[in-house]
Structures are given as structure tokens and as C-alpha cells.
Amino acid sequence: MAAKPDISALRPEARRLYVQGSSIKAVASTLGVSPSTVSRWKAESSPGGKKPDGWDLARRDRRSVAERVADLFEEALAFTEAAPPAERKAHLDHLIKIGGLLEKLDKAEQARQVADSVEQTVRRAGLSEEYAEKIRARILGMGG
């Protein structure tokens, strides 16, 4: 009987996928492991079993920048709508800037999703980690 392959090397990739918003089931499917394995790795990220665990904290922190900017936009919009008409033009300039930032964040997220998908495909094709990372960096505009 063949020895079981060492899947522990997949743990960092599982964490990265989960933190980026994938479900435990989706992470397991992507990496070819069982959902119970991913759940165990996630649970082990929390010393003493404290909730939220390390993966959930990282996911919350990752999303917080985009969410905070979106919340800021909503607050600024409500403030502008409540402002006297004479003051609205100054507020609109701020809304335009925040809206531009939200658009940039959205484009960066879309590029990251494409890069993740291509990187996974390259790895599944058996190409080197270095090659996969180079492709990811080029998609994200970080490599030559």
C-alpha cells in the first residue's frame, strides 16, 4: 500500500484561499483535499480553540479596507444629501474621490481573482512554483 502524500504543504495555500473569501468546501475542492482537512487546519489556527480563529481574523482584516472605504462612501453620500444645497458641491468632490478609490479597489480585486485562477491552473499543470509566482506577478502588474 502506498504511503499517503504529505498534504501539509497545502495549508498556507488553503489559508490564503479562505482569507480571500473562498468557502471551506471550495478551498478543499481547489486543493484536492477533504473539507474536514481544511476545517481541521482552520481550527488549529486558533490556540486554545478561541473564536474567531486566525483564519477568520485574517479574512476580516483583509476585507476591512474595502469595506471601510465603502462605508465611508455611504456616510459621505448621506452627509451630502443632508447638506444645504449651497454646500453640496464641496461634498461632491469628496464623493468623487472616494468613488474613484472604490473603483480602483474593485479593479485590483478582479485582477487578484484572475491571478489566483491562472496561478492554480499553472500549478495543476505541474509547472514550477517560481513560474506560477512569475505569472501571478505579471498579471498583478508587479513583475517584468
N, C-alpha and C. Protein backbone atom coordinates (compact mmCIF):
# COMPACT_ATOMS: atom_id res chain seq x y z
N MET A 1 0.84 -1.18 0.00
CA MET A 1 0.00 0.00 0.00
C MET A 1 0.89 1.24 0.00
N ALA A 2 0.58 2.19 -0.85
CA ALA A 2 1.39 3.40 -0.97
C ALA A 2 1.15 4.32 0.22
N ALA A 3 2.21 5.03 0.59
CA ALA A 3 2.10 5.98 1.70
C ALA A 3 1.25 7.17 1.27
N LYS A 4 0.52 7.74 2.25
CA LYS A 4 -0.30 8.91 1.96
C LYS A 4 0.62 10.09 1.63
N PRO A 5 0.26 10.89 0.64
CA PRO A 5 1.08 12.05 0.33
C PRO A 5 1.00 13.08 1.45
N ASP A 6 2.07 13.83 1.64
CA ASP A 6 2.09 14.87 2.67
C ASP A 6 1.36 16.09 2.13
N ILE A 7 0.17 16.32 2.65
CA ILE A 7 -0.63 17.45 2.18
C ILE A 7 -0.44 18.70 3.04
N SER A 8 0.37 18.60 4.08
CA SER A 8 0.54 19.74 4.98
C SER A 8 1.12 20.96 4.26
N ALA A 9 1.84 20.73 3.15
CA ALA A 9 2.39 21.84 2.38
C ALA A 9 1.28 22.69 1.75
N LEU A 10 0.06 22.14 1.68
CA LEU A 10 -1.06 22.87 1.10
C LEU A 10 -1.72 23.83 2.10
N ARG A 11 -1.38 23.70 3.37
CA ARG A 11 -2.02 24.50 4.41
C ARG A 11 -1.92 26.01 4.15
N PRO A 12 -0.73 26.56 3.82
CA PRO A 12 -0.67 28.01 3.57
C PRO A 12 -1.56 28.45 2.40
N GLU A 13 -1.63 27.62 1.36
CA GLU A 13 -2.48 27.95 0.22
C GLU A 13 -3.95 27.88 0.63
N ALA A 14 -4.31 26.92 1.47
CA ALA A 14 -5.68 26.81 1.95
C ALA A 14 -6.06 28.06 2.74
N ARG A 15 -5.16 28.50 3.60
CA ARG A 15 -5.42 29.71 4.39
C ARG A 15 -5.60 30.92 3.47
N ARG A 16 -4.72 31.05 2.47
CA ARG A 16 -4.78 32.19 1.55
C ARG A 16 -6.12 32.21 0.81
N LEU A 17 -6.54 31.06 0.31
CA LEU A 17 -7.81 30.98 -0.41
C LEU A 17 -8.99 31.33 0.50
N TYR A 18 -8.96 30.82 1.73
CA TYR A 18 -10.04 31.09 2.68
C TYR A 18 -10.08 32.58 3.03
N VAL A 19 -8.92 33.14 3.32
CA VAL A 19 -8.85 34.56 3.69
C VAL A 19 -9.37 35.43 2.54
N GLN A 20 -9.15 35.00 1.30
CA GLN A 20 -9.60 35.76 0.15
C GLN A 20 -11.09 35.58 -0.14
N GLY A 21 -11.77 34.77 0.66
CA GLY A 21 -13.22 34.67 0.54
C GLY A 21 -13.77 33.34 0.10
N SER A 22 -12.92 32.37 -0.21
CA SER A 22 -13.43 31.05 -0.61
C SER A 22 -14.02 30.32 0.59
N SER A 23 -15.03 29.51 0.35
CA SER A 23 -15.60 28.69 1.41
C SER A 23 -14.66 27.51 1.70
N ILE A 24 -14.87 26.86 2.83
CA ILE A 24 -14.07 25.69 3.17
C ILE A 24 -14.23 24.62 2.09
N LYS A 25 -15.45 24.42 1.63
CA LYS A 25 -15.71 23.42 0.59
C LYS A 25 -14.98 23.79 -0.71
N ALA A 26 -15.00 25.06 -1.08
CA ALA A 26 -14.31 25.49 -2.31
C ALA A 26 -12.80 25.35 -2.18
N VAL A 27 -12.26 25.68 -1.00
CA VAL A 27 -10.82 25.52 -0.77
C VAL A 27 -10.44 24.06 -0.91
N ALA A 28 -11.23 23.20 -0.27
CA ALA A 28 -10.96 21.76 -0.33
C ALA A 28 -10.98 21.25 -1.77
N SER A 29 -11.97 21.67 -2.52
CA SER A 29 -12.09 21.25 -3.91
C SER A 29 -10.91 21.74 -4.75
N THR A 30 -10.52 22.98 -4.55
CA THR A 30 -9.40 23.56 -5.30
C THR A 30 -8.10 22.82 -5.03
N LEU A 31 -7.89 22.45 -3.77
CA LEU A 31 -6.62 21.83 -3.39
C LEU A 31 -6.65 20.30 -3.43
N GLY A 32 -7.82 19.72 -3.67
CA GLY A 32 -7.91 18.27 -3.75
C GLY A 32 -7.79 17.57 -2.41
N VAL A 33 -8.28 18.22 -1.36
CA VAL A 33 -8.31 17.61 -0.02
C VAL A 33 -9.75 17.62 0.46
N SER A 34 -9.99 16.98 1.58
CA SER A 34 -11.35 16.92 2.10
C SER A 34 -11.69 18.20 2.86
N PRO A 35 -12.97 18.56 2.88
CA PRO A 35 -13.38 19.72 3.68
C PRO A 35 -13.03 19.56 5.16
N SER A 36 -13.05 18.33 5.67
CA SER A 36 -12.69 18.13 7.08
C SER A 36 -11.22 18.46 7.33
N THR A 37 -10.36 18.20 6.35
CA THR A 37 -8.94 18.57 6.48
C THR A 37 -8.80 20.07 6.57
N VAL A 38 -9.48 20.80 5.68
CA VAL A 38 -9.40 22.26 5.70
C VAL A 38 -9.97 22.80 7.01
N SER A 39 -11.08 22.22 7.46
CA SER A 39 -11.68 22.65 8.73
C SER A 39 -10.72 22.41 9.90
N ARG A 40 -10.02 21.29 9.88
CA ARG A 40 -9.06 20.99 10.95
C ARG A 40 -7.91 22.00 10.92
N TRP A 41 -7.38 22.29 9.74
CA TRP A 41 -6.31 23.28 9.63
C TRP A 41 -6.77 24.64 10.16
N LYS A 42 -7.99 25.00 9.81
CA LYS A 42 -8.55 26.28 10.25
C LYS A 42 -8.68 26.30 11.77
N ALA A 43 -9.21 25.23 12.34
CA ALA A 43 -9.37 25.15 13.79
C ALA A 43 -8.02 25.20 14.51
N GLU A 44 -7.01 24.61 13.91
CA GLU A 44 -5.67 24.60 14.51
C GLU A 44 -5.01 25.98 14.49
N SER A 45 -5.58 26.92 13.76
CA SER A 45 -5.02 28.27 13.71
C SER A 45 -5.41 29.09 14.94
N SER A 46 -6.20 28.51 15.80
CA SER A 46 -6.67 29.21 16.99
C SER A 46 -6.16 28.51 18.25
N PRO A 47 -5.14 29.09 18.90
CA PRO A 47 -4.64 28.46 20.12
C PRO A 47 -5.75 28.39 21.17
N GLY A 48 -5.92 27.23 21.73
CA GLY A 48 -6.95 27.05 22.76
C GLY A 48 -8.36 27.03 22.23
N GLY A 49 -8.52 26.95 20.91
CA GLY A 49 -9.86 26.88 20.33
C GLY A 49 -10.65 28.17 20.41
N LYS A 50 -9.98 29.29 20.62
CA LYS A 50 -10.68 30.58 20.73
C LYS A 50 -11.33 30.95 19.40
N LYS A 51 -12.45 31.63 19.50
CA LYS A 51 -13.17 32.12 18.31
C LYS A 51 -13.12 33.64 18.34
N PRO A 52 -13.00 34.35 17.25
CA PRO A 52 -12.75 33.80 15.93
C PRO A 52 -11.32 33.28 15.82
N ASP A 53 -11.15 32.28 14.95
CA ASP A 53 -9.81 31.70 14.79
C ASP A 53 -8.94 32.60 13.92
N GLY A 54 -7.69 32.20 13.74
CA GLY A 54 -6.73 33.00 12.99
C GLY A 54 -7.13 33.25 11.54
N TRP A 55 -7.73 32.26 10.92
CA TRP A 55 -8.14 32.44 9.53
C TRP A 55 -9.28 33.45 9.43
N ASP A 56 -10.25 33.36 10.35
CA ASP A 56 -11.37 34.30 10.33
C ASP A 56 -10.89 35.72 10.61
N LEU A 57 -9.95 35.87 11.53
CA LEU A 57 -9.40 37.19 11.83
C LEU A 57 -8.69 37.77 10.60
N ALA A 58 -7.91 36.95 9.93
CA ALA A 58 -7.21 37.41 8.72
C ALA A 58 -8.20 37.78 7.63
N ARG A 59 -9.27 36.99 7.49
CA ARG A 59 -10.29 37.30 6.48
C ARG A 59 -10.96 38.63 6.80
N ARG A 60 -11.29 38.84 8.05
CA ARG A 60 -11.92 40.09 8.46
C ARG A 60 -11.00 41.28 8.20
N ASP A 61 -9.72 41.13 8.56
CA ASP A 61 -8.77 42.22 8.35
C ASP A 61 -8.57 42.51 6.87
N ARG A 62 -8.53 41.46 6.05
CA ARG A 62 -8.33 41.65 4.61
C ARG A 62 -9.47 42.44 4.00
N ARG A 63 -10.67 42.12 4.40
CA ARG A 63 -11.84 42.77 3.83
C ARG A 63 -12.07 44.15 4.42
N SER A 64 -11.48 44.45 5.54
CA SER A 64 -11.84 45.67 6.25
C SER A 64 -11.50 46.94 5.48
N VAL A 65 -10.44 46.97 4.70
CA VAL A 65 -10.08 48.19 3.98
C VAL A 65 -11.15 48.54 2.96
N ALA A 66 -11.51 47.58 2.12
CA ALA A 66 -12.53 47.84 1.11
C ALA A 66 -13.88 48.16 1.76
N GLU A 67 -14.21 47.43 2.80
CA GLU A 67 -15.48 47.69 3.49
C GLU A 67 -15.49 49.07 4.14
N ARG A 68 -14.36 49.44 4.74
CA ARG A 68 -14.31 50.76 5.36
C ARG A 68 -14.44 51.87 4.33
N VAL A 69 -13.82 51.70 3.18
CA VAL A 69 -13.94 52.72 2.13
C VAL A 69 -15.39 52.78 1.63
N ALA A 70 -16.01 51.62 1.45
CA ALA A 70 -17.42 51.60 1.03
C ALA A 70 -18.31 52.26 2.09
N ASP A 71 -18.04 51.97 3.36
CA ASP A 71 -18.81 52.60 4.44
C ASP A 71 -18.60 54.11 4.45
N LEU A 72 -17.35 54.53 4.23
CA LEU A 72 -17.04 55.95 4.19
C LEU A 72 -17.80 56.62 3.05
N PHE A 73 -17.87 55.96 1.90
CA PHE A 73 -18.62 56.50 0.76
C PHE A 73 -20.09 56.66 1.13
N GLU A 74 -20.67 55.64 1.75
CA GLU A 74 -22.09 55.71 2.13
C GLU A 74 -22.33 56.84 3.13
N GLU A 75 -21.44 56.99 4.10
CA GLU A 75 -21.57 58.07 5.09
C GLU A 75 -21.45 59.43 4.42
N ALA A 76 -20.48 59.57 3.52
CA ALA A 76 -20.29 60.84 2.82
C ALA A 76 -21.50 61.16 1.93
N LEU A 77 -22.06 60.14 1.30
CA LEU A 77 -23.24 60.34 0.47
C LEU A 77 -24.42 60.82 1.32
N ALA A 78 -24.65 60.17 2.45
CA ALA A 78 -25.74 60.57 3.34
C ALA A 78 -25.52 61.99 3.85
N PHE A 79 -24.28 62.32 4.20
CA PHE A 79 -23.96 63.66 4.68
C PHE A 79 -24.22 64.69 3.59
N THR A 80 -23.83 64.37 2.35
CA THR A 80 -24.03 65.28 1.23
C THR A 80 -25.51 65.49 0.95
N GLU A 81 -26.27 64.42 1.00
CA GLU A 81 -27.71 64.54 0.77
C GLU A 81 -28.38 65.40 1.82
N ALA A 82 -27.85 65.39 3.05
CA ALA A 82 -28.44 66.17 4.14
C ALA A 82 -27.93 67.61 4.19
N ALA A 83 -26.87 67.89 3.45
CA ALA A 83 -26.27 69.23 3.48
C ALA A 83 -27.15 70.23 2.73
N PRO A 84 -27.05 71.49 3.11
CA PRO A 84 -27.77 72.52 2.36
C PRO A 84 -27.27 72.56 0.92
N PRO A 85 -28.14 72.86 -0.03
CA PRO A 85 -27.74 72.85 -1.45
C PRO A 85 -26.48 73.66 -1.74
N ALA A 86 -26.27 74.75 -1.07
CA ALA A 86 -25.09 75.58 -1.33
C ALA A 86 -23.79 74.88 -0.95
N GLU A 87 -23.85 73.92 -0.04
CA GLU A 87 -22.64 73.24 0.43
C GLU A 87 -22.38 71.90 -0.29
N ARG A 88 -23.30 71.47 -1.09
CA ARG A 88 -23.20 70.13 -1.69
C ARG A 88 -22.04 69.99 -2.67
N LYS A 89 -21.70 71.06 -3.40
CA LYS A 89 -20.62 70.95 -4.39
C LYS A 89 -19.32 70.54 -3.72
N ALA A 90 -18.99 71.13 -2.59
CA ALA A 90 -17.76 70.76 -1.88
C ALA A 90 -17.79 69.30 -1.46
N HIS A 91 -18.94 68.84 -1.03
CA HIS A 91 -19.07 67.44 -0.62
C HIS A 91 -18.98 66.49 -1.81
N LEU A 92 -19.47 66.92 -2.96
CA LEU A 92 -19.42 66.07 -4.15
C LEU A 92 -17.98 65.78 -4.56
N ASP A 93 -17.09 66.73 -4.38
CA ASP A 93 -15.68 66.48 -4.70
C ASP A 93 -15.14 65.32 -3.87
N HIS A 94 -15.50 65.26 -2.60
CA HIS A 94 -15.06 64.16 -1.74
C HIS A 94 -15.67 62.84 -2.19
N LEU A 95 -16.94 62.87 -2.56
CA LEU A 95 -17.60 61.65 -3.04
C LEU A 95 -16.93 61.12 -4.30
N ILE A 96 -16.57 62.01 -5.19
CA ILE A 96 -15.91 61.59 -6.43
C ILE A 96 -14.57 60.92 -6.12
N LYS A 97 -13.81 61.47 -5.19
CA LYS A 97 -12.52 60.89 -4.82
C LYS A 97 -12.70 59.51 -4.18
N ILE A 98 -13.66 59.40 -3.28
CA ILE A 98 -13.90 58.11 -2.63
C ILE A 98 -14.41 57.10 -3.65
N GLY A 99 -15.28 57.53 -4.56
CA GLY A 99 -15.77 56.65 -5.61
C GLY A 99 -14.64 56.15 -6.50
N GLY A 100 -13.69 57.02 -6.81
CA GLY A 100 -12.53 56.61 -7.60
C GLY A 100 -11.70 55.56 -6.88
N LEU A 101 -11.53 55.73 -5.58
CA LEU A 101 -10.80 54.76 -4.78
C LEU A 101 -11.53 53.42 -4.77
N LEU A 102 -12.83 53.45 -4.61
CA LEU A 102 -13.61 52.20 -4.65
C LEU A 102 -13.46 51.49 -5.99
N GLU A 103 -13.44 52.25 -7.07
CA GLU A 103 -13.28 51.67 -8.40
C GLU A 103 -11.90 51.00 -8.53
N LYS A 104 -10.86 51.65 -8.02
CA LYS A 104 -9.51 51.07 -8.06
C LYS A 104 -9.45 49.79 -7.23
N LEU A 105 -10.07 49.81 -6.05
CA LEU A 105 -10.09 48.60 -5.21
C LEU A 105 -10.80 47.46 -5.92
N ASP A 106 -11.89 47.77 -6.62
CA ASP A 106 -12.64 46.74 -7.34
C ASP A 106 -11.80 46.16 -8.47
N LYS A 107 -11.12 47.00 -9.22
CA LYS A 107 -10.27 46.51 -10.31
C LYS A 107 -9.13 45.65 -9.77
N ALA A 108 -8.54 46.06 -8.66
CA ALA A 108 -7.46 45.27 -8.05
C ALA A 108 -7.98 43.91 -7.60
N GLU A 109 -9.18 43.87 -7.06
CA GLU A 109 -9.77 42.60 -6.62
C GLU A 109 -10.04 41.70 -7.82
N GLN A 110 -10.53 42.26 -8.90
CA GLN A 110 -10.77 41.47 -10.11
C GLN A 110 -9.47 40.89 -10.65
N ALA A 111 -8.42 41.71 -10.68
CA ALA A 111 -7.12 41.23 -11.15
C ALA A 111 -6.59 40.13 -10.24
N ARG A 112 -6.78 40.27 -8.94
CA ARG A 112 -6.32 39.26 -8.00
C ARG A 112 -7.05 37.94 -8.23
N GLN A 113 -8.33 38.00 -8.50
CA GLN A 113 -9.09 36.78 -8.75
C GLN A 113 -8.61 36.07 -10.02
N VAL A 114 -8.34 36.84 -11.06
CA VAL A 114 -7.81 36.25 -12.30
C VAL A 114 -6.45 35.64 -12.02
N ALA A 115 -5.60 36.37 -11.30
CA ALA A 115 -4.25 35.88 -10.99
C ALA A 115 -4.33 34.59 -10.19
N ASP A 116 -5.23 34.52 -9.21
CA ASP A 116 -5.39 33.30 -8.41
C ASP A 116 -5.78 32.12 -9.29
N SER A 117 -6.73 32.34 -10.18
CA SER A 117 -7.21 31.27 -11.05
C SER A 117 -6.10 30.78 -11.98
N VAL A 118 -5.39 31.70 -12.59
CA VAL A 118 -4.31 31.32 -13.50
C VAL A 118 -3.20 30.62 -12.74
N GLU A 119 -2.87 31.12 -11.57
CA GLU A 119 -1.82 30.50 -10.75
C GLU A 119 -2.17 29.06 -10.40
N GLN A 120 -3.41 28.82 -10.03
CA GLN A 120 -3.85 27.46 -9.71
C GLN A 120 -3.76 26.55 -10.94
N THR A 121 -4.16 27.07 -12.09
CA THR A 121 -4.09 26.29 -13.32
C THR A 121 -2.65 25.93 -13.66
N VAL A 122 -1.75 26.89 -13.51
CA VAL A 122 -0.33 26.66 -13.79
C VAL A 122 0.22 25.60 -12.85
N ARG A 123 -0.13 25.68 -11.58
CA ARG A 123 0.35 24.69 -10.61
C ARG A 123 -0.20 23.31 -10.91
N ARG A 124 -1.48 23.23 -11.27
CA ARG A 124 -2.08 21.94 -11.60
C ARG A 124 -1.43 21.33 -12.84
N ALA A 125 -0.93 22.19 -13.71
CA ALA A 125 -0.27 21.71 -14.93
C ALA A 125 1.12 21.18 -14.63
N GLY A 126 1.57 21.32 -13.38
CA GLY A 126 2.85 20.77 -12.99
C GLY A 126 4.04 21.68 -13.22
N LEU A 127 3.77 22.94 -13.50
CA LEU A 127 4.87 23.88 -13.70
C LEU A 127 5.41 24.32 -12.34
N SER A 128 6.59 24.87 -12.33
CA SER A 128 7.27 25.19 -11.07
C SER A 128 6.56 26.30 -10.29
N GLU A 129 6.78 26.30 -8.97
CA GLU A 129 6.26 27.36 -8.10
C GLU A 129 6.77 28.72 -8.57
N GLU A 130 8.04 28.76 -8.93
CA GLU A 130 8.64 30.02 -9.37
C GLU A 130 7.92 30.56 -10.61
N TYR A 131 7.63 29.67 -11.55
CA TYR A 131 6.94 30.07 -12.77
C TYR A 131 5.52 30.57 -12.44
N ALA A 132 4.83 29.85 -11.56
CA ALA A 132 3.48 30.25 -11.15
C ALA A 132 3.50 31.63 -10.50
N GLU A 133 4.49 31.88 -9.65
CA GLU A 133 4.59 33.18 -8.99
C GLU A 133 4.92 34.30 -9.97
N LYS A 134 5.75 34.00 -10.98
CA LYS A 134 6.08 35.00 -12.00
C LYS A 134 4.83 35.38 -12.80
N ILE A 135 4.04 34.39 -13.16
CA ILE A 135 2.82 34.67 -13.91
C ILE A 135 1.87 35.52 -13.07
N ARG A 136 1.72 35.13 -11.81
CA ARG A 136 0.83 35.89 -10.91
C ARG A 136 1.31 37.34 -10.80
N ALA A 137 2.60 37.54 -10.63
CA ALA A 137 3.14 38.90 -10.50
C ALA A 137 2.90 39.71 -11.78
N ARG A 138 3.03 39.08 -12.94
CA ARG A 138 2.80 39.80 -14.19
C ARG A 138 1.34 40.20 -14.33
N ILE A 139 0.43 39.32 -13.95
CA ILE A 139 -0.99 39.66 -14.04
C ILE A 139 -1.32 40.83 -13.13
N LEU A 140 -0.72 40.83 -11.96
CA LEU A 140 -0.97 41.89 -10.99
C LEU A 140 -0.14 43.14 -11.24
N GLY A 141 0.68 43.11 -12.29
CA GLY A 141 1.47 44.29 -12.63
C GLY A 141 2.65 44.51 -11.73
N MET A 142 3.17 43.42 -11.14
CA MET A 142 4.28 43.55 -10.20
C MET A 142 5.54 42.91 -10.72
N GLY A 143 5.53 42.45 -11.94
CA GLY A 143 6.71 41.76 -12.45
C GLY A 143 6.98 42.12 -13.89
N GLY A 144 8.21 41.86 -14.31
CA GLY A 144 8.59 42.25 -15.66
C GLY A 144 8.49 41.18 -16.68
